[in-house]
Amino acid sequence: MKRAFVGSLAIALLAALPVVAAPVHTIHNGIDVWRTPGDGTTFVKFEKNPIPRGFFCANSDAFTGRVVLQGHPLATGTPGELDGADTIVQRLDDATFDGSGVAMTRVQIRALQLESVTPIKTSCGEFNVRVTLSGTQPTTQMKIIRETESSGRFEAPVAVTYKISFVPTRVGGQKLDLVRSFTLAADPKSTWGSHSDAKSFSGRSPLLVDTDGDQIPDTYLPRMSSNFEAGWTPAFEKARAERRSHGITKMLQPVGCTPPGSDPICHPESVGIHCSDPCLATY
């Protein structure tokens, strides 16, 4: 009985120790998925580029207000597969670190689905607002900086061409669309890490996801790259190790979408601000 107890104690102590990730020399191409909270940190504003007079109806005034947005879960081939994610950014190339610890890759937004927290009010009635991608998206350069063997910072401006749809709340009203574009500015404080649970996803089937906002999955994308985790921090890794020590092996889920020890990643830009939290889905 004593031997069994000692053996069980040793196993428990080993499980409680944090697992150190292997040194990362190349970041594999893949996708990063995000979920956008509706807490007021993400919005689109029309102060500098108003919606023109007469857009909502013949006598409507120009709209210069701000619309607070929240994420709407993307439709996937297997329902719920992304645990409520509303945004997907793809890293298109493998990125190998040079002698100074810098790696470069192209990035492209592949899916986006946001909606207003509440309808906007106009003289023509109330409208719900939806934001989705419009057409093929441009690519930009992502700079990944390695500060330890398996973590660091990244800078990734993301160019977006998007469609804003205004859907009347009244039955029978006509949906109105605008197409606009902007670039989400890079946040130099954005962090990444290669987590200790990293596994190869190279042999897994691609992800089928809706990329145009019609709720019908239409495009296959690669699975999330296992050796790059956006939003990672040492505190987050500690929280995950503690969960593992209590026998919880499933990765932290994006409920409320702020994992312990992880900060939202915000992209300030000219027409609004987009703040998304890393969604650590177990797909």
Protein backbone atom coordinates (compact mmCIF):
# COMPACT_ATOMS: atom_id res chain seq x y z
CA MET A 1 0.00 0.00 0.00
CA LYS A 2 2.85 2.39 0.89
CA ARG A 3 4.63 1.63 -2.40
CA ALA A 4 1.44 2.33 -4.34
CA PHE A 5 0.99 5.61 -2.51
CA VAL A 6 4.57 6.71 -3.19
CA GLY A 7 4.19 5.78 -6.85
CA SER A 8 0.96 7.74 -7.18
CA LEU A 9 2.55 10.75 -5.49
CA ALA A 10 5.51 10.68 -7.88
CA ILE A 11 3.19 10.58 -10.91
CA ALA A 12 1.18 13.50 -9.53
CA LEU A 13 4.33 15.57 -8.97
CA LEU A 14 5.57 14.87 -12.50
CA ALA A 15 2.20 15.88 -13.94
CA ALA A 16 2.35 19.17 -12.06
CA LEU A 17 5.70 20.17 -13.60
CA PRO A 18 5.42 22.51 -16.60
CA VAL A 19 6.44 20.94 -19.89
CA VAL A 20 9.02 23.02 -21.76
CA ALA A 21 8.35 23.45 -25.45
CA ALA A 22 11.11 22.50 -27.88
CA PRO A 23 13.12 25.30 -29.53
CA VAL A 24 11.31 26.71 -32.54
CA HIS A 25 13.35 27.32 -35.70
CA THR A 26 10.50 27.52 -38.22
CA ILE A 27 6.89 28.66 -37.75
CA HIS A 28 4.70 26.42 -39.88
CA ASN A 29 2.05 27.97 -42.11
CA GLY A 30 -1.48 27.63 -40.80
CA ILE A 31 -4.40 29.60 -39.43
CA ASP A 32 -5.09 31.59 -36.29
CA VAL A 33 -8.69 31.77 -35.11
CA TRP A 34 -10.22 34.52 -32.99
CA ARG A 35 -13.39 35.43 -31.18
CA THR A 36 -14.53 39.04 -30.83
CA PRO A 37 -16.25 40.07 -27.58
CA GLY A 38 -19.14 42.53 -27.65
CA ASP A 39 -17.79 44.62 -24.81
CA GLY A 40 -17.38 47.86 -26.72
CA THR A 41 -13.72 47.37 -27.63
CA THR A 42 -14.56 46.48 -31.25
CA PHE A 43 -16.46 49.02 -33.30
CA VAL A 44 -16.72 50.74 -36.65
CA LYS A 45 -17.16 54.50 -36.78
CA PHE A 46 -18.36 56.69 -39.62
CA GLU A 47 -17.21 60.05 -38.33
CA LYS A 48 -14.54 60.62 -41.00
CA ASN A 49 -16.26 58.72 -43.80
CA PRO A 50 -20.03 59.15 -43.25
CA ILE A 51 -22.73 57.01 -44.79
CA PRO A 52 -24.16 59.46 -47.35
CA ARG A 53 -27.45 61.29 -47.09
CA GLY A 54 -30.31 59.32 -48.62
CA PHE A 55 -28.65 55.92 -48.15
CA PHE A 56 -31.21 54.41 -45.76
CA CYS A 57 -34.18 56.02 -47.49
CA ALA A 58 -34.92 59.09 -49.60
CA ASN A 59 -34.86 61.55 -46.72
CA SER A 60 -32.30 59.97 -44.39
CA ASP A 61 -29.51 62.10 -42.93
CA ALA A 62 -25.83 61.25 -43.31
CA PHE A 63 -24.80 58.73 -40.64
CA THR A 64 -21.69 59.62 -38.62
CA GLY A 65 -22.17 57.41 -35.58
CA ARG A 66 -20.28 54.49 -34.09
CA VAL A 67 -21.48 50.88 -34.20
CA VAL A 68 -20.28 48.49 -31.49
CA LEU A 69 -19.65 45.02 -32.91
CA GLN A 70 -19.42 41.47 -31.60
CA GLY A 71 -18.49 38.21 -33.24
CA HIS A 72 -20.96 35.88 -34.91
CA PRO A 73 -19.72 32.25 -35.03
CA LEU A 74 -18.48 31.08 -38.41
CA ALA A 75 -20.32 28.18 -40.03
CA THR A 76 -18.12 25.10 -40.45
CA GLY A 77 -18.43 21.69 -42.08
CA THR A 78 -18.76 20.15 -38.62
CA PRO A 79 -21.07 22.47 -36.64
CA GLY A 80 -19.37 24.12 -33.65
CA GLU A 81 -15.93 22.98 -34.75
CA LEU A 82 -14.37 26.39 -34.10
CA ASP A 83 -15.97 26.93 -30.68
CA GLY A 84 -17.56 30.24 -31.67
CA ALA A 85 -14.65 31.79 -33.59
CA ASP A 86 -15.63 34.65 -35.91
CA THR A 87 -12.31 35.55 -37.54
CA ILE A 88 -9.63 33.51 -39.31
CA VAL A 89 -6.23 34.84 -40.40
CA GLN A 90 -4.00 32.55 -42.45
CA ARG A 91 -0.20 32.51 -42.36
CA LEU A 92 0.53 31.54 -45.94
CA ASP A 93 4.21 30.53 -45.73
CA ASP A 94 6.54 28.69 -43.41
CA ALA A 95 8.63 31.32 -41.62
CA THR A 96 12.22 30.44 -40.65
CA PHE A 97 14.05 32.58 -38.09
CA ASP A 98 17.26 34.25 -39.22
CA GLY A 99 20.34 34.88 -37.11
CA SER A 100 18.72 37.87 -35.43
CA GLY A 101 15.62 35.92 -34.43
CA VAL A 102 13.25 37.38 -37.03
CA ALA A 103 10.98 35.44 -39.40
CA MET A 104 8.64 36.73 -42.10
CA THR A 105 5.49 35.33 -43.67
CA ARG A 106 2.56 36.58 -45.70
CA VAL A 107 -0.81 36.81 -43.96
CA GLN A 108 -4.33 37.07 -45.32
CA ILE A 109 -7.68 37.34 -43.58
CA ARG A 110 -9.83 34.43 -44.75
CA ALA A 111 -13.05 34.75 -42.76
CA LEU A 112 -14.76 37.49 -40.77
CA GLN A 113 -18.26 37.67 -39.37
CA LEU A 114 -19.25 40.45 -36.99
CA GLU A 115 -22.62 41.94 -36.04
CA SER A 116 -23.87 44.95 -34.12
CA VAL A 117 -24.56 44.48 -30.42
CA THR A 118 -27.74 46.52 -30.82
CA PRO A 119 -29.54 47.91 -33.90
CA ILE A 120 -28.70 51.41 -35.08
CA LYS A 121 -31.50 53.97 -35.19
CA THR A 122 -32.17 56.14 -38.24
CA SER A 123 -35.05 58.27 -39.43
CA CYS A 124 -35.90 55.34 -41.74
CA GLY A 125 -36.13 52.79 -38.93
CA GLU A 126 -33.74 50.50 -37.11
CA PHE A 127 -31.09 48.34 -38.77
CA ASN A 128 -28.93 45.46 -37.59
CA VAL A 129 -25.39 45.74 -38.90
CA ARG A 130 -23.35 42.82 -40.20
CA VAL A 131 -19.70 42.88 -41.33
CA THR A 132 -18.27 40.18 -43.63
CA LEU A 133 -15.46 39.94 -46.16
CA SER A 134 -15.92 41.17 -49.71
CA GLY A 135 -14.06 39.30 -52.45
CA THR A 136 -10.46 38.09 -52.49
CA GLN A 137 -8.47 39.68 -49.70
CA PRO A 138 -5.06 41.35 -50.10
CA THR A 139 -1.95 39.93 -48.42
CA THR A 140 0.41 41.72 -46.05
CA GLN A 141 3.69 40.87 -44.31
CA MET A 142 3.84 39.45 -40.80
CA LYS A 143 7.02 39.88 -38.75
CA ILE A 144 7.62 37.29 -36.03
CA ILE A 145 10.27 38.06 -33.39
CA ARG A 146 11.69 35.25 -31.27
CA GLU A 147 12.63 36.40 -27.75
CA THR A 148 13.07 32.97 -26.13
CA GLU A 149 13.55 29.54 -27.70
CA SER A 150 9.80 29.14 -28.14
CA SER A 151 8.05 32.50 -27.70
CA GLY A 152 8.17 36.17 -28.57
CA ARG A 153 6.22 38.96 -30.26
CA PHE A 154 4.74 39.52 -33.68
CA GLU A 155 3.64 42.43 -35.83
CA ALA A 156 0.95 41.76 -38.42
CA PRO A 157 -0.93 44.55 -40.19
CA VAL A 158 -3.96 42.96 -41.86
CA ALA A 159 -5.57 44.52 -44.93
CA VAL A 160 -9.32 43.99 -45.09
CA THR A 161 -11.89 44.61 -47.83
CA TYR A 162 -15.24 44.21 -46.12
CA LYS A 163 -18.96 44.50 -46.73
CA ILE A 164 -21.22 46.26 -44.23
CA SER A 165 -24.80 45.09 -44.48
CA PHE A 166 -27.66 47.01 -42.90
CA VAL A 167 -30.60 44.69 -42.28
CA PRO A 168 -33.92 46.36 -41.35
CA THR A 169 -35.49 45.09 -38.15
CA ARG A 170 -38.95 45.51 -39.69
CA VAL A 171 -40.35 42.62 -41.71
CA GLY A 172 -40.06 43.08 -45.47
CA GLY A 173 -37.40 45.78 -45.37
CA GLN A 174 -34.61 45.83 -47.93
CA LYS A 175 -31.03 44.95 -46.94
CA LEU A 176 -28.49 47.66 -47.86
CA ASP A 177 -24.77 47.06 -48.48
CA LEU A 178 -21.59 49.13 -48.49
CA VAL A 179 -18.10 47.90 -49.45
CA ARG A 180 -15.10 49.52 -47.80
CA SER A 181 -11.50 48.70 -46.98
CA PHE A 182 -8.90 49.49 -44.34
CA THR A 183 -5.78 48.05 -42.76
CA LEU A 184 -5.76 46.80 -39.19
CA ALA A 185 -2.54 48.29 -37.84
CA ALA A 186 0.07 46.01 -36.30
CA ASP A 187 0.23 45.86 -32.51
CA PRO A 188 3.93 45.52 -31.53
CA LYS A 189 2.89 44.09 -28.13
CA SER A 190 1.17 41.02 -29.61
CA THR A 191 2.68 37.83 -28.19
CA TRP A 192 3.10 34.26 -29.42
CA GLY A 193 4.38 31.01 -28.02
CA SER A 194 4.82 27.38 -28.92
CA HIS A 195 2.79 25.54 -26.32
CA SER A 196 3.90 22.37 -24.60
CA ASP A 197 0.95 20.38 -25.95
CA ALA A 198 2.08 20.94 -29.55
CA LYS A 199 1.20 18.11 -31.93
CA SER A 200 1.50 17.74 -35.65
CA PHE A 201 -1.67 18.46 -37.60
CA SER A 202 -0.03 17.78 -40.98
CA GLY A 203 -1.98 14.57 -41.54
CA ARG A 204 -5.40 15.88 -40.55
CA SER A 205 -8.15 16.78 -42.97
CA PRO A 206 -8.59 20.47 -43.88
CA LEU A 207 -11.17 22.69 -42.22
CA LEU A 208 -14.32 23.56 -44.20
CA VAL A 209 -15.53 27.06 -43.29
CA ASP A 210 -17.86 29.84 -44.49
CA THR A 211 -15.75 32.71 -45.86
CA ASP A 212 -18.40 34.98 -47.42
CA GLY A 213 -20.91 35.27 -44.58
CA ASP A 214 -23.81 33.35 -46.16
CA GLN A 215 -23.73 30.67 -43.41
CA ILE A 216 -22.74 27.97 -45.94
CA PRO A 217 -19.23 26.47 -45.52
CA ASP A 218 -17.49 27.01 -48.85
CA THR A 219 -13.70 26.94 -48.48
CA TYR A 220 -11.16 24.43 -47.19
CA LEU A 221 -8.39 25.85 -45.00
CA PRO A 222 -5.47 24.13 -43.25
CA ARG A 223 -5.79 23.31 -39.59
CA MET A 224 -4.39 25.61 -36.90
CA SER A 225 -0.59 25.41 -36.83
CA SER A 226 0.49 23.72 -33.63
CA ASN A 227 3.82 25.51 -33.13
CA PHE A 228 2.43 29.06 -33.19
CA GLU A 229 -0.08 30.23 -30.63
CA ALA A 230 -1.08 33.89 -30.86
CA GLY A 231 -1.74 35.62 -27.52
CA TRP A 232 0.39 33.17 -25.54
CA THR A 233 2.00 34.40 -22.30
CA PRO A 234 4.00 32.63 -19.56
CA ALA A 235 1.03 33.15 -17.19
CA PHE A 236 -1.24 31.38 -19.66
CA GLU A 237 1.17 28.45 -19.92
CA LYS A 238 1.27 28.26 -16.12
CA ALA A 239 -2.54 28.18 -15.97
CA ARG A 240 -2.61 25.38 -18.53
CA ALA A 241 0.01 23.40 -16.58
CA GLU A 242 -2.09 23.76 -13.43
CA ARG A 243 -5.14 22.45 -15.27
CA ARG A 244 -3.10 19.51 -16.50
CA SER A 245 -1.92 18.76 -12.96
CA HIS A 246 -5.59 18.38 -11.96
CA GLY A 247 -6.22 15.92 -14.76
CA ILE A 248 -7.78 18.45 -17.18
CA THR A 249 -6.15 17.68 -20.51
CA LYS A 250 -8.48 19.59 -22.83
CA MET A 251 -7.10 22.93 -23.97
CA LEU A 252 -8.59 26.07 -22.51
CA GLN A 253 -11.77 26.99 -24.34
CA PRO A 254 -12.74 30.48 -25.53
CA VAL A 255 -15.64 30.93 -23.13
CA GLY A 256 -15.65 34.69 -22.63
CA CYS A 257 -12.59 34.41 -24.88
CA THR A 258 -9.88 35.65 -22.55
CA PRO A 259 -7.70 32.73 -21.43
CA PRO A 260 -6.03 33.24 -18.02
CA GLY A 261 -2.86 35.28 -18.39
CA SER A 262 -3.62 36.27 -21.96
CA ASP A 263 -4.43 39.76 -23.20
CA PRO A 264 -6.72 40.65 -26.11
CA ILE A 265 -4.90 41.66 -29.27
CA CYS A 266 -6.11 45.04 -30.54
CA HIS A 267 -5.63 46.62 -33.94
CA PRO A 268 -6.29 50.38 -33.90
CA GLU A 269 -7.17 51.82 -37.28
CA SER A 270 -8.75 54.88 -38.85
CA VAL A 271 -12.37 53.77 -38.91
CA GLY A 272 -12.58 51.90 -35.61
CA ILE A 273 -10.80 49.43 -33.37
CA HIS A 274 -10.83 45.65 -33.58
CA CYS A 275 -9.95 43.71 -30.44
CA SER A 276 -9.98 39.93 -30.62
CA ASP A 277 -9.04 37.33 -28.06
CA PRO A 278 -7.16 34.17 -29.02
CA CYS A 279 -9.53 31.23 -29.41
CA LEU A 280 -7.67 28.09 -28.40
CA ALA A 281 -9.97 25.62 -30.09
CA THR A 282 -9.23 21.91 -29.78
CA TYR A 283 -9.85 21.06 -33.42
